[in-house]
């Protein structure tokens, strides 16, 4: 399980592409401290360091896509997926779980921290949790039987995937919206309970950039009240080997 979160200060000798890649391969996440928040350049540079910012998800997306995440009631519309504008609790989930190729990496940079200590990131390792499940539960979760609906007003249709694709080594979870066949519900419930029991928490500070392996870890967030808390988010796709 995640015993602690690896942290590297950008100003230290440990900050290097090689070291960051090795930590991501080993732990599935890393926090880089003291990244510049003056513009999008730093988070884009980090995304390009670990992968590709050109994503094969939607033909309307081209180039690095940086999303600002902050509480903004004016942007919350009925029947639309505007959860990144709320301050509500987020359960553990995989980002873009409904697409065929979810981005390998999720990067979030804290631009304005929550001074009340709220909005805490929740992280749990699917790979390690999956390994301690019963063989029966593992087999059920690897069946392509779980329906992942697209968000409202999204032109990408719903897809059916396993919770764990052994060929792609991809976990995906979105329990609040996905549809699970009745016979597989006990396995899913067991998996989610193990994930919840092994959550690691981290409060992002200004200048922190967290990089998460979106194929291996699920993440969430506690609720918050701050009107000023602000993050940047960007995705990065895995570089495929030519060998």
Foldseek 3Di string as FASTA:
>chain_A
DDPDAAEAECPDPCDDLVNLQVCCVVPQKYKYFQFDLPDCVRVLVVLVSFFAQADPFDPVDDDWDKDKQAADVVPDDPQFPPVSNAQAWWAWWFPPLFTPARFQKKKKAWAAFDPVQFFKKKKFWLVVLLVPDDPVLNVLQQDQAKWDADGGPDPDGIGTGRCAPPVVLFGGDDPVHMDDPPVNVVSVVSSSVSRVVGIDIGGHDHRMMMMGRSRTMIMITHGDDDRPTMMMMTGGHHDDDPD
